[in-house]
Amino acid sequence: QDKDVVAWNSMIVGYAMHGFSQDALELF
């Protein structure tokens, strides 16, 4: 609940490091 930008960043970076680039860009 009440996600901050740090939480969003963590998931975006997570997708990126796994090579799930499209998911990372969509979440951004």
PDB file of all heavy atoms in Angstrom:
ATOM      1  N   GLN A   1       0.847  -1.186   0.000  1.00  0.00           N
ATOM      2  CA  GLN A   1       0.000   0.000   0.000  1.00  0.00           C
ATOM      3  C   GLN A   1       0.888   1.243   0.000  1.00  0.00           C
ATOM      4  O   GLN A   1       1.943   1.260   0.600  1.00  0.00           O
ATOM      5  CB  GLN A   1      -0.892   0.008   1.250  1.00  0.00           C
ATOM      6  CG  GLN A   1      -1.806  -1.213   1.372  1.00  0.00           C
ATOM      7  CD  GLN A   1      -2.833  -1.288   0.253  1.00  0.00           C
ATOM      8  OE1 GLN A   1      -3.413  -0.277  -0.136  1.00  0.00           O
ATOM      9  NE2 GLN A   1      -3.068  -2.490  -0.268  1.00  0.00           N
ATOM     10  N   ASP A   2       0.431   2.305  -0.652  1.00  0.00           N
ATOM     11  CA  ASP A   2       1.156   3.582  -0.678  1.00  0.00           C
ATOM     12  C   ASP A   2       2.604   3.393  -1.137  1.00  0.00           C
ATOM     13  O   ASP A   2       3.560   3.798  -0.465  1.00  0.00           O
ATOM     14  CB  ASP A   2       1.128   4.240   0.702  1.00  0.00           C
ATOM     15  CG  ASP A   2      -0.293   4.504   1.190  1.00  0.00           C
ATOM     16  OD1 ASP A   2      -1.117   4.921   0.362  1.00  0.00           O
ATOM     17  OD2 ASP A   2      -0.559   4.280   2.378  1.00  0.00           O
ATOM     18  N   LYS A   3       2.755   2.771  -2.293  1.00  0.00           N
ATOM     19  CA  LYS A   3       4.104   2.555  -2.835  1.00  0.00           C
ATOM     20  C   LYS A   3       4.785   3.899  -3.100  1.00  0.00           C
ATOM     21  O   LYS A   3       4.159   4.832  -3.601  1.00  0.00           O
ATOM     22  CB  LYS A   3       4.022   1.747  -4.136  1.00  0.00           C
ATOM     23  CG  LYS A   3       3.677   0.300  -3.956  1.00  0.00           C
ATOM     24  CD  LYS A   3       3.765  -0.451  -5.266  1.00  0.00           C
ATOM     25  CE  LYS A   3       2.518  -0.330  -6.092  1.00  0.00           C
ATOM     26  NZ  LYS A   3       1.415  -1.152  -5.576  1.00  0.00           N
ATOM     27  N   ASP A   4       6.086   3.968  -2.779  1.00  0.00           N
ATOM     28  CA  ASP A   4       6.862   5.147  -3.135  1.00  0.00           C
ATOM     29  C   ASP A   4       7.710   4.827  -4.363  1.00  0.00           C
ATOM     30  O   ASP A   4       7.710   3.701  -4.866  1.00  0.00           O
ATOM     31  CB  ASP A   4       7.727   5.630  -1.964  1.00  0.00           C
ATOM     32  CG  ASP A   4       8.700   4.560  -1.476  1.00  0.00           C
ATOM     33  OD1 ASP A   4       8.857   3.521  -2.168  1.00  0.00           O
ATOM     34  OD2 ASP A   4       9.302   4.757  -0.407  1.00  0.00           O
ATOM     35  N   VAL A   5       8.456   5.819  -4.850  1.00  0.00           N
ATOM     36  CA  VAL A   5       9.226   5.624  -6.073  1.00  0.00           C
ATOM     37  C   VAL A   5      10.313   4.574  -5.882  1.00  0.00           C
ATOM     38  O   VAL A   5      10.713   3.898  -6.845  1.00  0.00           O
ATOM     39  CB  VAL A   5       9.829   6.972  -6.537  1.00  0.00           C
ATOM     40  CG1 VAL A   5      10.926   7.442  -5.596  1.00  0.00           C
ATOM     41  CG2 VAL A   5      10.351   6.889  -7.967  1.00  0.00           C
ATOM     42  N   VAL A   6      10.781   4.399  -4.630  1.00  0.00           N
ATOM     43  CA  VAL A   6      11.813   3.392  -4.360  1.00  0.00           C
ATOM     44  C   VAL A   6      11.276   1.990  -4.637  1.00  0.00           C
ATOM     45  O   VAL A   6      11.976   1.135  -5.198  1.00  0.00           O
ATOM     46  CB  VAL A   6      12.317   3.504  -2.906  1.00  0.00           C
ATOM     47  CG1 VAL A   6      13.386   2.457  -2.620  1.00  0.00           C
ATOM     48  CG2 VAL A   6      12.862   4.897  -2.622  1.00  0.00           C
ATOM     49  N   ALA A   7      10.027   1.744  -4.244  1.00  0.00           N
ATOM     50  CA  ALA A   7       9.409   0.437  -4.502  1.00  0.00           C
ATOM     51  C   ALA A   7       9.246   0.201  -6.011  1.00  0.00           C
ATOM     52  O   ALA A   7       9.526  -0.899  -6.509  1.00  0.00           O
ATOM     53  CB  ALA A   7       8.059   0.349  -3.794  1.00  0.00           C
ATOM     54  N   TRP A   8       8.803   1.225  -6.721  1.00  0.00           N
ATOM     55  CA  TRP A   8       8.677   1.102  -8.183  1.00  0.00           C
ATOM     56  C   TRP A   8      10.037   0.817  -8.818  1.00  0.00           C
ATOM     57  O   TRP A   8      10.167  -0.051  -9.682  1.00  0.00           O
ATOM     58  CB  TRP A   8       8.092   2.395  -8.767  1.00  0.00           C
ATOM     59  CG  TRP A   8       6.623   2.570  -8.521  1.00  0.00           C
ATOM     60  CD1 TRP A   8       6.023   3.127  -7.435  1.00  0.00           C
ATOM     61  CD2 TRP A   8       5.546   2.172  -9.397  1.00  0.00           C
ATOM     62  NE1 TRP A   8       4.655   3.098  -7.571  1.00  0.00           N
ATOM     63  CE2 TRP A   8       4.331   2.527  -8.765  1.00  0.00           C
ATOM     64  CE3 TRP A   8       5.495   1.576 -10.648  1.00  0.00           C
ATOM     65  CZ2 TRP A   8       3.083   2.298  -9.346  1.00  0.00           C
ATOM     66  CZ3 TRP A   8       4.253   1.338 -11.235  1.00  0.00           C
ATOM     67  CH2 TRP A   8       3.066   1.696 -10.590  1.00  0.00           C
ATOM     68  N   ASN A   9      11.044   1.563  -8.363  1.00  0.00           N
ATOM     69  CA  ASN A   9      12.389   1.360  -8.910  1.00  0.00           C
ATOM     70  C   ASN A   9      12.888  -0.059  -8.701  1.00  0.00           C
ATOM     71  O   ASN A   9      13.509  -0.661  -9.579  1.00  0.00           O
ATOM     72  CB  ASN A   9      13.377   2.330  -8.249  1.00  0.00           C
ATOM     73  CG  ASN A   9      13.192   3.761  -8.718  1.00  0.00           C
ATOM     74  OD1 ASN A   9      12.537   4.008  -9.727  1.00  0.00           O
ATOM     75  ND2 ASN A   9      13.763   4.695  -7.990  1.00  0.00           N
ATOM     76  N   SER A  10      12.632  -0.603  -7.503  1.00  0.00           N
ATOM     77  CA  SER A  10      13.103  -1.942  -7.171  1.00  0.00           C
ATOM     78  C   SER A  10      12.523  -2.975  -8.130  1.00  0.00           C
ATOM     79  O   SER A  10      13.226  -3.886  -8.584  1.00  0.00           O
ATOM     80  CB  SER A  10      12.722  -2.274  -5.728  1.00  0.00           C
ATOM     81  OG  SER A  10      13.336  -3.464  -5.310  1.00  0.00           O
ATOM     82  N   MET A  11      11.236  -2.836  -8.460  1.00  0.00           N
ATOM     83  CA  MET A  11      10.604  -3.790  -9.375  1.00  0.00           C
ATOM     84  C   MET A  11      11.085  -3.580 -10.807  1.00  0.00           C
ATOM     85  O   MET A  11      11.322  -4.546 -11.549  1.00  0.00           O
ATOM     86  CB  MET A  11       9.079  -3.628  -9.290  1.00  0.00           C
ATOM     87  CG  MET A  11       8.293  -4.777  -9.903  1.00  0.00           C
ATOM     88  SD  MET A  11       8.480  -6.326  -9.014  1.00  0.00           S
ATOM     89  CE  MET A  11       9.154  -7.383 -10.285  1.00  0.00           C
ATOM     90  N   ILE A  12      11.262  -2.319 -11.213  1.00  0.00           N
ATOM     91  CA  ILE A  12      11.748  -2.022 -12.572  1.00  0.00           C
ATOM     92  C   ILE A  12      13.151  -2.587 -12.763  1.00  0.00           C
ATOM     93  O   ILE A  12      13.446  -3.255 -13.766  1.00  0.00           O
ATOM     94  CB  ILE A  12      11.735  -0.495 -12.821  1.00  0.00           C
ATOM     95  CG1 ILE A  12      10.300   0.016 -12.904  1.00  0.00           C
ATOM     96  CG2 ILE A  12      12.493  -0.142 -14.106  1.00  0.00           C
ATOM     97  CD1 ILE A  12      10.167   1.534 -12.844  1.00  0.00           C
ATOM     98  N   VAL A  13      14.037  -2.321 -11.794  1.00  0.00           N
ATOM     99  CA  VAL A  13      15.416  -2.832 -11.860  1.00  0.00           C
ATOM    100  C   VAL A  13      15.414  -4.362 -11.837  1.00  0.00           C
ATOM    101  O   VAL A  13      16.200  -5.013 -12.533  1.00  0.00           O
ATOM    102  CB  VAL A  13      16.263  -2.267 -10.701  1.00  0.00           C
ATOM    103  CG1 VAL A  13      17.616  -2.961 -10.617  1.00  0.00           C
ATOM    104  CG2 VAL A  13      16.453  -0.757 -10.865  1.00  0.00           C
ATOM    105  N   GLY A  14      14.504  -4.945 -11.046  1.00  0.00           N
ATOM    106  CA  GLY A  14      14.388  -6.404 -10.977  1.00  0.00           C
ATOM    107  C   GLY A  14      14.045  -7.010 -12.324  1.00  0.00           C
ATOM    108  O   GLY A  14      14.668  -7.991 -12.761  1.00  0.00           O
ATOM    109  N   TYR A  15      13.043  -6.444 -12.986  1.00  0.00           N
ATOM    110  CA  TYR A  15      12.692  -6.924 -14.327  1.00  0.00           C
ATOM    111  C   TYR A  15      13.886  -6.796 -15.271  1.00  0.00           C
ATOM    112  O   TYR A  15      14.170  -7.694 -16.068  1.00  0.00           O
ATOM    113  CB  TYR A  15      11.523  -6.111 -14.888  1.00  0.00           C
ATOM    114  CG  TYR A  15      10.157  -6.599 -14.470  1.00  0.00           C
ATOM    115  CD1 TYR A  15       9.171  -5.701 -14.061  1.00  0.00           C
ATOM    116  CD2 TYR A  15       9.820  -7.953 -14.517  1.00  0.00           C
ATOM    117  CE1 TYR A  15       7.902  -6.132 -13.686  1.00  0.00           C
ATOM    118  CE2 TYR A  15       8.554  -8.407 -14.157  1.00  0.00           C
ATOM    119  CZ  TYR A  15       7.597  -7.489 -13.747  1.00  0.00           C
ATOM    120  OH  TYR A  15       6.348  -7.931 -13.388  1.00  0.00           O
ATOM    121  N   ALA A  16      14.586  -5.661 -15.179  1.00  0.00           N
ATOM    122  CA  ALA A  16      15.707  -5.422 -16.089  1.00  0.00           C
ATOM    123  C   ALA A  16      16.806  -6.450 -15.903  1.00  0.00           C
ATOM    124  O   ALA A  16      17.340  -6.991 -16.883  1.00  0.00           O
ATOM    125  CB  ALA A  16      16.253  -4.009 -15.873  1.00  0.00           C
ATOM    126  N   MET A  17      17.185  -6.736 -14.658  1.00  0.00           N
ATOM    127  CA  MET A  17      18.299  -7.658 -14.421  1.00  0.00           C
ATOM    128  C   MET A  17      17.979  -9.086 -14.851  1.00  0.00           C
ATOM    129  O   MET A  17      18.878  -9.879 -15.107  1.00  0.00           O
ATOM    130  CB  MET A  17      18.724  -7.626 -12.944  1.00  0.00           C
ATOM    131  CG  MET A  17      17.816  -8.336 -11.988  1.00  0.00           C
ATOM    132  SD  MET A  17      18.525  -8.540 -10.331  1.00  0.00           S
ATOM    133  CE  MET A  17      18.509  -6.879  -9.715  1.00  0.00           C
ATOM    134  N   HIS A  18      16.675  -9.390 -14.966  1.00  0.00           N
ATOM    135  CA  HIS A  18      16.280 -10.720 -15.446  1.00  0.00           C
ATOM    136  C   HIS A  18      16.098 -10.750 -16.965  1.00  0.00           C
ATOM    137  O   HIS A  18      15.755 -11.794 -17.516  1.00  0.00           O
ATOM    138  CB  HIS A  18      14.985 -11.154 -14.765  1.00  0.00           C
ATOM    139  CG  HIS A  18      15.192 -11.659 -13.378  1.00  0.00           C
ATOM    140  ND1 HIS A  18      15.426 -12.981 -13.090  1.00  0.00           N
ATOM    141  CD2 HIS A  18      15.234 -11.018 -12.192  1.00  0.00           C
ATOM    142  CE1 HIS A  18      15.589 -13.138 -11.793  1.00  0.00           C
ATOM    143  NE2 HIS A  18      15.485 -11.952 -11.223  1.00  0.00           N
ATOM    144  N   GLY A  19      16.312  -9.595 -17.606  1.00  0.00           N
ATOM    145  CA  GLY A  19      16.158  -9.559 -19.057  1.00  0.00           C
ATOM    146  C   GLY A  19      14.726  -9.399 -19.508  1.00  0.00           C
ATOM    147  O   GLY A  19      14.435  -9.505 -20.708  1.00  0.00           O
ATOM    148  N   PHE A  20      13.813  -9.126 -18.574  1.00  0.00           N
ATOM    149  CA  PHE A  20      12.406  -8.911 -18.932  1.00  0.00           C
ATOM    150  C   PHE A  20      12.231  -7.423 -19.246  1.00  0.00           C
ATOM    151  O   PHE A  20      11.558  -6.669 -18.519  1.00  0.00           O
ATOM    152  CB  PHE A  20      11.487  -9.344 -17.798  1.00  0.00           C
ATOM    153  CG  PHE A  20      11.625 -10.804 -17.416  1.00  0.00           C
ATOM    154  CD1 PHE A  20      11.301 -11.242 -16.154  1.00  0.00           C
ATOM    155  CD2 PHE A  20      12.083 -11.732 -18.335  1.00  0.00           C
ATOM    156  CE1 PHE A  20      11.432 -12.578 -15.802  1.00  0.00           C
ATOM    157  CE2 PHE A  20      12.221 -13.069 -18.006  1.00  0.00           C
ATOM    158  CZ  PHE A  20      11.893 -13.502 -16.735  1.00  0.00           C
ATOM    159  N   SER A  21      12.861  -7.031 -20.347  1.00  0.00           N
ATOM    160  CA  SER A  21      12.971  -5.607 -20.673  1.00  0.00           C
ATOM    161  C   SER A  21      11.625  -4.954 -20.930  1.00  0.00           C
ATOM    162  O   SER A  21      11.378  -3.822 -20.491  1.00  0.00           O
ATOM    163  CB  SER A  21      13.869  -5.431 -21.896  1.00  0.00           C
ATOM    164  OG  SER A  21      15.159  -5.945 -21.629  1.00  0.00           O
ATOM    165  N   GLN A  22      10.749  -5.643 -21.639  1.00  0.00           N
ATOM    166  CA  GLN A  22       9.453  -5.062 -21.948  1.00  0.00           C
ATOM    167  C   GLN A  22       8.644  -4.802 -20.686  1.00  0.00           C
ATOM    168  O   GLN A  22       7.994  -3.765 -20.546  1.00  0.00           O
ATOM    169  CB  GLN A  22       8.667  -5.985 -22.901  1.00  0.00           C
ATOM    170  CG  GLN A  22       7.551  -5.293 -23.658  1.00  0.00           C
ATOM    171  CD  GLN A  22       8.049  -4.110 -24.494  1.00  0.00           C
ATOM    172  OE1 GLN A  22       9.079  -4.203 -25.163  1.00  0.00           O
ATOM    173  NE2 GLN A  22       7.334  -2.994 -24.441  1.00  0.00           N
ATOM    174  N   ASP A  23       8.704  -5.741 -19.730  1.00  0.00           N
ATOM    175  CA  ASP A  23       8.003  -5.557 -18.461  1.00  0.00           C
ATOM    176  C   ASP A  23       8.554  -4.347 -17.710  1.00  0.00           C
ATOM    177  O   ASP A  23       7.795  -3.575 -17.103  1.00  0.00           O
ATOM    178  CB  ASP A  23       8.147  -6.809 -17.584  1.00  0.00           C
ATOM    179  CG  ASP A  23       7.460  -8.013 -18.182  1.00  0.00           C
ATOM    180  OD1 ASP A  23       6.226  -8.012 -18.235  1.00  0.00           O
ATOM    181  OD2 ASP A  23       8.160  -8.940 -18.593  1.00  0.00           O
ATOM    182  N   ALA A  24       9.879  -4.181 -17.740  1.00  0.00           N
ATOM    183  CA  ALA A  24      10.509  -3.053 -17.052  1.00  0.00           C
ATOM    184  C   ALA A  24      10.059  -1.731 -17.651  1.00  0.00           C
ATOM    185  O   ALA A  24       9.709  -0.787 -16.923  1.00  0.00           O
ATOM    186  CB  ALA A  24      12.030  -3.181 -17.128  1.00  0.00           C
ATOM    187  N   LEU A  25      10.043  -1.651 -18.981  1.00  0.00           N
ATOM    188  CA  LEU A  25       9.662  -0.404 -19.654  1.00  0.00           C
ATOM    189  C   LEU A  25       8.184  -0.101 -19.466  1.00  0.00           C
ATOM    190  O   LEU A  25       7.788   1.058 -19.276  1.00  0.00           O
ATOM    191  CB  LEU A  25      10.011  -0.477 -21.144  1.00  0.00           C
ATOM    192  CG  LEU A  25      11.506  -0.650 -21.457  1.00  0.00           C
ATOM    193  CD1 LEU A  25      11.738  -0.719 -22.952  1.00  0.00           C
ATOM    194  CD2 LEU A  25      12.325   0.488 -20.861  1.00  0.00           C
ATOM    195  N   GLU A  26       7.354  -1.138 -19.490  1.00  0.00           N
ATOM    196  CA  GLU A  26       5.911  -0.933 -19.262  1.00  0.00           C
ATOM    197  C   GLU A  26       5.643  -0.435 -17.849  1.00  0.00           C
ATOM    198  O   GLU A  26       4.808   0.459 -17.639  1.00  0.00           O
ATOM    199  CB  GLU A  26       5.155  -2.245 -19.510  1.00  0.00           C
ATOM    200  CG  GLU A  26       5.028  -2.615 -20.979  1.00  0.00           C
ATOM    201  CD  GLU A  26       4.348  -3.963 -21.188  1.00  0.00           C
ATOM    202  OE1 GLU A  26       3.915  -4.575 -20.181  1.00  0.00           O
ATOM    203  OE2 GLU A  26       4.250  -4.401 -22.352  1.00  0.00           O
ATOM    204  N   LEU A  27       6.356  -0.996 -16.873  1.00  0.00           N
ATOM    205  CA  LEU A  27       6.160  -0.576 -15.483  1.00  0.00           C
ATOM    206  C   LEU A  27       6.643   0.863 -15.290  1.00  0.00           C
ATOM    207  O   LEU A  27       6.026   1.638 -14.545  1.00  0.00           O
ATOM    208  CB  LEU A  27       6.905  -1.523 -14.540  1.00  0.00           C
ATOM    209  CG  LEU A  27       6.493  -1.454 -13.063  1.00  0.00           C
ATOM    210  CD1 LEU A  27       5.036  -1.849 -12.884  1.00  0.00           C
ATOM    211  CD2 LEU A  27       7.377  -2.361 -12.215  1.00  0.00           C
ATOM    212  N   PHE A  28       7.730   1.229 -15.960  1.00  0.00           N
ATOM    213  CA  PHE A  28       8.231   2.600 -15.882  1.00  0.00           C
ATOM    214  C   PHE A  28       7.192   3.583 -16.423  1.00  0.00           C
ATOM    215  O   PHE A  28       6.911   4.620 -15.804  1.00  0.00           O
ATOM    216  CB  PHE A  28       9.535   2.719 -16.674  1.00  0.00           C
ATOM    217  CG  PHE A  28      10.098   4.108 -16.730  1.00  0.00           C
ATOM    218  CD1 PHE A  28      10.735   4.662 -15.623  1.00  0.00           C
ATOM    219  CD2 PHE A  28       9.999   4.866 -17.894  1.00  0.00           C
ATOM    220  CE1 PHE A  28      11.274   5.947 -15.673  1.00  0.00           C
ATOM    221  CE2 PHE A  28      10.526   6.159 -17.955  1.00  0.00           C
ATOM    222  CZ  PHE A  28      11.156   6.698 -16.843  1.00  0.00           C
TER     223      PHE A  28
END
